[in-house]
Amino acid sequence: MSEITPENVRHLASLARILVTDEEVEKLAKELDVIVESVAMVKGAVSDDTPATSHPIPMSNVYREDVVKPSLSQEQALSNAPDQADGKFKVNAILDEE
């Protein structure tokens, strides 16, 4: 029994404001029906004792120690800046704010 009818496809297309031809409606109805049947099969394979998972492989965060290393001084960082003020990069405003 097909769950997706051409009328369903036309309705969805109108909601999405997509123009579809009769040929596209027939093709999409068949393709969407296959998708619905596939989802139903997967849903049927899951039982109440199957734990929900968000990822098939256990994941863990890998952290590294924060190590302070020498870097540029403020003067070095600003040395090639086209414009600077008060020890900071000066850029044009992109919003109507000062």
N, C-alpha and C. Protein backbone atom coordinates (compact mmCIF):
# COMPACT_ATOMS: atom_id res chain seq x y z
N MET A 1 0.84 -1.18 0.00
CA MET A 1 0.00 0.00 0.00
C MET A 1 0.88 1.24 0.00
N SER A 2 0.66 2.09 -0.94
CA SER A 2 1.47 3.30 -1.07
C SER A 2 0.96 4.38 -0.13
N GLU A 3 1.88 4.93 0.68
CA GLU A 3 1.51 6.01 1.60
C GLU A 3 1.57 7.37 0.92
N ILE A 4 2.45 7.48 -0.06
CA ILE A 4 2.64 8.76 -0.75
C ILE A 4 1.86 8.73 -2.06
N THR A 5 0.89 9.59 -2.17
CA THR A 5 0.08 9.67 -3.38
C THR A 5 0.49 10.89 -4.19
N PRO A 6 0.13 10.91 -5.46
CA PRO A 6 0.41 12.12 -6.26
C PRO A 6 -0.21 13.37 -5.65
N GLU A 7 -1.37 13.22 -5.00
CA GLU A 7 -2.01 14.36 -4.36
C GLU A 7 -1.15 14.87 -3.21
N ASN A 8 -0.53 13.94 -2.44
CA ASN A 8 0.38 14.35 -1.37
C ASN A 8 1.55 15.16 -1.92
N VAL A 9 2.10 14.69 -3.02
CA VAL A 9 3.25 15.37 -3.63
C VAL A 9 2.84 16.75 -4.12
N ARG A 10 1.69 16.85 -4.76
CA ARG A 10 1.23 18.16 -5.23
C ARG A 10 1.00 19.11 -4.05
N HIS A 11 0.43 18.59 -2.97
CA HIS A 11 0.20 19.41 -1.79
C HIS A 11 1.52 19.91 -1.20
N LEU A 12 2.48 18.99 -1.04
CA LEU A 12 3.78 19.38 -0.51
C LEU A 12 4.48 20.39 -1.42
N ALA A 13 4.37 20.17 -2.72
CA ALA A 13 4.98 21.10 -3.66
C ALA A 13 4.34 22.49 -3.55
N SER A 14 3.04 22.53 -3.36
CA SER A 14 2.39 23.84 -3.23
C SER A 14 2.79 24.52 -1.93
N LEU A 15 2.94 23.74 -0.84
CA LEU A 15 3.40 24.33 0.41
C LEU A 15 4.81 24.90 0.29
N ALA A 16 5.65 24.20 -0.48
CA ALA A 16 7.03 24.64 -0.68
C ALA A 16 7.14 25.64 -1.83
N ARG A 17 6.02 25.92 -2.47
CA ARG A 17 5.98 26.83 -3.60
C ARG A 17 6.92 26.39 -4.73
N ILE A 18 6.82 25.09 -5.03
CA ILE A 18 7.62 24.49 -6.10
C ILE A 18 6.68 24.05 -7.21
N LEU A 19 6.98 24.47 -8.42
CA LEU A 19 6.19 24.02 -9.56
C LEU A 19 6.70 22.67 -10.02
N VAL A 20 5.79 21.71 -10.13
CA VAL A 20 6.17 20.37 -10.59
C VAL A 20 5.26 19.94 -11.72
N THR A 21 5.85 19.21 -12.65
CA THR A 21 5.07 18.68 -13.77
C THR A 21 4.43 17.36 -13.34
N ASP A 22 3.50 16.86 -14.14
CA ASP A 22 2.85 15.58 -13.83
C ASP A 22 3.87 14.45 -13.79
N GLU A 23 4.86 14.50 -14.69
CA GLU A 23 5.90 13.47 -14.70
C GLU A 23 6.72 13.52 -13.41
N GLU A 24 7.05 14.74 -12.97
CA GLU A 24 7.82 14.89 -11.73
C GLU A 24 7.00 14.42 -10.53
N VAL A 25 5.71 14.68 -10.54
CA VAL A 25 4.85 14.23 -9.44
C VAL A 25 4.87 12.72 -9.33
N GLU A 26 4.73 12.04 -10.45
CA GLU A 26 4.74 10.57 -10.44
C GLU A 26 6.09 10.03 -9.96
N LYS A 27 7.16 10.62 -10.47
CA LYS A 27 8.51 10.18 -10.09
C LYS A 27 8.75 10.43 -8.60
N LEU A 28 8.40 11.62 -8.12
CA LEU A 28 8.61 11.94 -6.71
C LEU A 28 7.75 11.08 -5.79
N ALA A 29 6.53 10.78 -6.21
CA ALA A 29 5.66 9.93 -5.40
C ALA A 29 6.30 8.57 -5.19
N LYS A 30 6.85 8.00 -6.25
CA LYS A 30 7.52 6.69 -6.14
C LYS A 30 8.75 6.78 -5.25
N GLU A 31 9.58 7.82 -5.46
CA GLU A 31 10.81 7.96 -4.68
C GLU A 31 10.51 8.21 -3.20
N LEU A 32 9.55 9.06 -2.92
CA LEU A 32 9.20 9.33 -1.53
C LEU A 32 8.59 8.11 -0.86
N ASP A 33 7.85 7.32 -1.61
CA ASP A 33 7.27 6.10 -1.06
C ASP A 33 8.36 5.12 -0.66
N VAL A 34 9.41 5.02 -1.47
CA VAL A 34 10.54 4.15 -1.13
C VAL A 34 11.21 4.64 0.16
N ILE A 35 11.35 5.94 0.30
CA ILE A 35 11.97 6.51 1.50
C ILE A 35 11.11 6.20 2.72
N VAL A 36 9.80 6.39 2.61
CA VAL A 36 8.90 6.12 3.74
C VAL A 36 8.95 4.64 4.13
N GLU A 37 8.97 3.76 3.14
CA GLU A 37 9.05 2.33 3.42
C GLU A 37 10.39 1.98 4.09
N SER A 38 11.47 2.60 3.64
CA SER A 38 12.79 2.33 4.24
C SER A 38 12.84 2.79 5.68
N VAL A 39 12.28 3.95 5.98
CA VAL A 39 12.24 4.45 7.35
C VAL A 39 11.40 3.52 8.21
N ALA A 40 10.29 3.03 7.68
CA ALA A 40 9.43 2.10 8.42
C ALA A 40 10.18 0.81 8.74
N MET A 41 11.00 0.33 7.80
CA MET A 41 11.78 -0.89 8.05
C MET A 41 12.78 -0.67 9.17
N VAL A 42 13.46 0.46 9.15
CA VAL A 42 14.44 0.77 10.19
C VAL A 42 13.73 0.91 11.53
N LYS A 43 12.61 1.60 11.52
CA LYS A 43 11.84 1.79 12.76
C LYS A 43 11.38 0.45 13.31
N GLY A 44 11.01 -0.47 12.43
CA GLY A 44 10.58 -1.80 12.86
C GLY A 44 11.71 -2.64 13.42
N ALA A 45 12.94 -2.35 13.05
CA ALA A 45 14.09 -3.12 13.53
C ALA A 45 14.47 -2.75 14.95
N VAL A 46 14.02 -1.61 15.41
CA VAL A 46 14.38 -1.14 16.75
C VAL A 46 13.36 -1.68 17.75
N SER A 47 13.88 -2.26 18.83
CA SER A 47 12.99 -2.76 19.87
C SER A 47 13.15 -1.92 21.12
N ASP A 48 12.32 -2.19 22.11
CA ASP A 48 12.37 -1.41 23.35
C ASP A 48 13.68 -1.59 24.10
N ASP A 49 14.36 -2.72 23.91
CA ASP A 49 15.61 -2.95 24.64
C ASP A 49 16.84 -2.45 23.86
N THR A 50 16.62 -1.81 22.71
CA THR A 50 17.72 -1.24 21.95
C THR A 50 18.01 0.17 22.47
N PRO A 51 19.24 0.38 22.99
CA PRO A 51 19.54 1.71 23.52
C PRO A 51 19.66 2.75 22.40
N ALA A 52 19.20 3.94 22.69
CA ALA A 52 19.32 5.03 21.72
C ALA A 52 20.78 5.48 21.65
N THR A 53 21.24 5.77 20.46
CA THR A 53 22.61 6.24 20.29
C THR A 53 22.61 7.48 19.39
N SER A 54 23.54 8.36 19.66
CA SER A 54 23.69 9.52 18.80
C SER A 54 24.85 9.34 17.84
N HIS A 55 25.72 8.37 18.15
CA HIS A 55 26.88 8.13 17.30
C HIS A 55 27.25 6.65 17.43
N PRO A 56 27.55 5.97 16.32
CA PRO A 56 27.83 4.54 16.39
C PRO A 56 29.16 4.18 17.06
N ILE A 57 30.07 5.13 17.11
CA ILE A 57 31.39 4.88 17.71
C ILE A 57 31.51 5.74 18.95
N PRO A 58 31.89 5.17 20.09
CA PRO A 58 32.04 5.99 21.29
C PRO A 58 33.05 7.11 21.05
N MET A 59 32.67 8.29 21.47
CA MET A 59 33.53 9.45 21.25
C MET A 59 33.95 10.04 22.58
N SER A 60 35.14 10.59 22.59
CA SER A 60 35.60 11.29 23.78
C SER A 60 36.40 12.51 23.33
N ASN A 61 36.35 13.53 24.13
CA ASN A 61 37.11 14.74 23.81
C ASN A 61 38.59 14.52 24.11
N VAL A 62 39.41 15.02 23.25
CA VAL A 62 40.85 14.93 23.46
C VAL A 62 41.33 16.34 23.80
N TYR A 63 41.86 16.46 24.98
CA TYR A 63 42.33 17.76 25.44
C TYR A 63 43.85 17.77 25.48
N ARG A 64 44.41 18.93 25.30
CA ARG A 64 45.85 19.09 25.48
C ARG A 64 46.05 20.17 26.53
N GLU A 65 47.18 20.11 27.14
CA GLU A 65 47.51 21.11 28.14
C GLU A 65 47.68 22.47 27.48
N ASP A 66 47.19 23.50 28.12
CA ASP A 66 47.43 24.86 27.65
C ASP A 66 48.85 25.24 28.06
N VAL A 67 49.69 25.47 27.07
CA VAL A 67 51.07 25.83 27.35
C VAL A 67 51.32 27.22 26.78
N VAL A 68 51.75 28.11 27.62
CA VAL A 68 52.06 29.46 27.17
C VAL A 68 53.40 29.43 26.46
N LYS A 69 53.40 29.95 25.24
CA LYS A 69 54.63 29.98 24.44
C LYS A 69 54.89 31.42 24.04
N PRO A 70 56.12 31.73 23.74
CA PRO A 70 56.43 33.10 23.31
C PRO A 70 55.68 33.44 22.03
N SER A 71 55.19 34.67 21.93
CA SER A 71 54.48 35.10 20.74
C SER A 71 54.87 36.55 20.44
N LEU A 72 54.19 37.15 19.51
CA LEU A 72 54.51 38.52 19.13
C LEU A 72 54.18 39.49 20.26
N SER A 73 54.99 40.50 20.37
CA SER A 73 54.66 41.58 21.31
C SER A 73 53.61 42.46 20.64
N GLN A 74 52.99 43.32 21.41
CA GLN A 74 51.99 44.22 20.85
C GLN A 74 52.59 45.09 19.76
N GLU A 75 53.79 45.57 19.98
CA GLU A 75 54.45 46.42 19.00
C GLU A 75 54.73 45.64 17.70
N GLN A 76 55.18 44.40 17.83
CA GLN A 76 55.45 43.59 16.64
C GLN A 76 54.17 43.31 15.87
N ALA A 77 53.09 43.00 16.59
CA ALA A 77 51.82 42.70 15.93
C ALA A 77 51.30 43.91 15.17
N LEU A 78 51.50 45.09 15.72
CA LEU A 78 50.99 46.30 15.09
C LEU A 78 51.95 46.93 14.10
N SER A 79 53.16 46.38 13.98
CA SER A 79 54.19 47.02 13.16
C SER A 79 53.80 47.19 11.70
N ASN A 80 53.04 46.30 11.12
CA ASN A 80 52.65 46.41 9.71
C ASN A 80 51.18 46.80 9.54
N ALA A 81 50.52 47.18 10.61
CA ALA A 81 49.11 47.56 10.52
C ALA A 81 48.98 48.85 9.73
N PRO A 82 48.04 48.91 8.80
CA PRO A 82 47.87 50.13 8.03
C PRO A 82 47.41 51.30 8.89
N ASP A 83 46.69 51.01 9.98
CA ASP A 83 46.24 52.08 10.86
C ASP A 83 46.09 51.49 12.26
N GLN A 84 46.52 52.27 13.24
CA GLN A 84 46.44 51.81 14.63
C GLN A 84 46.18 53.00 15.54
N ALA A 85 45.59 52.71 16.69
CA ALA A 85 45.31 53.77 17.66
C ALA A 85 45.25 53.14 19.04
N ASP A 86 45.89 53.75 19.99
CA ASP A 86 45.89 53.30 21.38
C ASP A 86 46.32 51.84 21.54
N GLY A 87 47.30 51.42 20.74
CA GLY A 87 47.82 50.06 20.84
C GLY A 87 46.90 49.00 20.28
N LYS A 88 45.98 49.41 19.40
CA LYS A 88 45.03 48.46 18.80
C LYS A 88 44.96 48.70 17.31
N PHE A 89 44.50 47.67 16.57
CA PHE A 89 44.25 47.83 15.15
C PHE A 89 43.07 48.79 14.99
N LYS A 90 43.17 49.72 14.06
CA LYS A 90 42.08 50.64 13.80
C LYS A 90 41.48 50.27 12.44
N VAL A 91 40.17 50.02 12.44
CA VAL A 91 39.47 49.63 11.21
C VAL A 91 38.26 50.52 11.04
N ASN A 92 37.75 50.57 9.82
CA ASN A 92 36.54 51.33 9.55
C ASN A 92 35.34 50.67 10.23
N ALA A 93 34.44 51.48 10.70
CA ALA A 93 33.23 50.96 11.33
C ALA A 93 32.38 50.27 10.27
N ILE A 94 31.79 49.14 10.64
CA ILE A 94 30.92 48.43 9.69
C ILE A 94 29.45 48.59 10.10
N LEU A 95 29.21 49.11 11.28
CA LEU A 95 27.86 49.37 11.74
C LEU A 95 27.72 50.86 11.98
N ASP A 96 26.52 51.30 12.21
CA ASP A 96 26.30 52.73 12.46
C ASP A 96 26.59 53.07 13.91
N GLU A 97 27.70 52.59 14.40
CA GLU A 97 28.11 52.84 15.76
C GLU A 97 29.47 53.50 15.78
N GLU A 98 29.75 54.21 16.80
CA GLU A 98 31.08 54.83 16.95
C GLU A 98 31.93 53.99 17.85
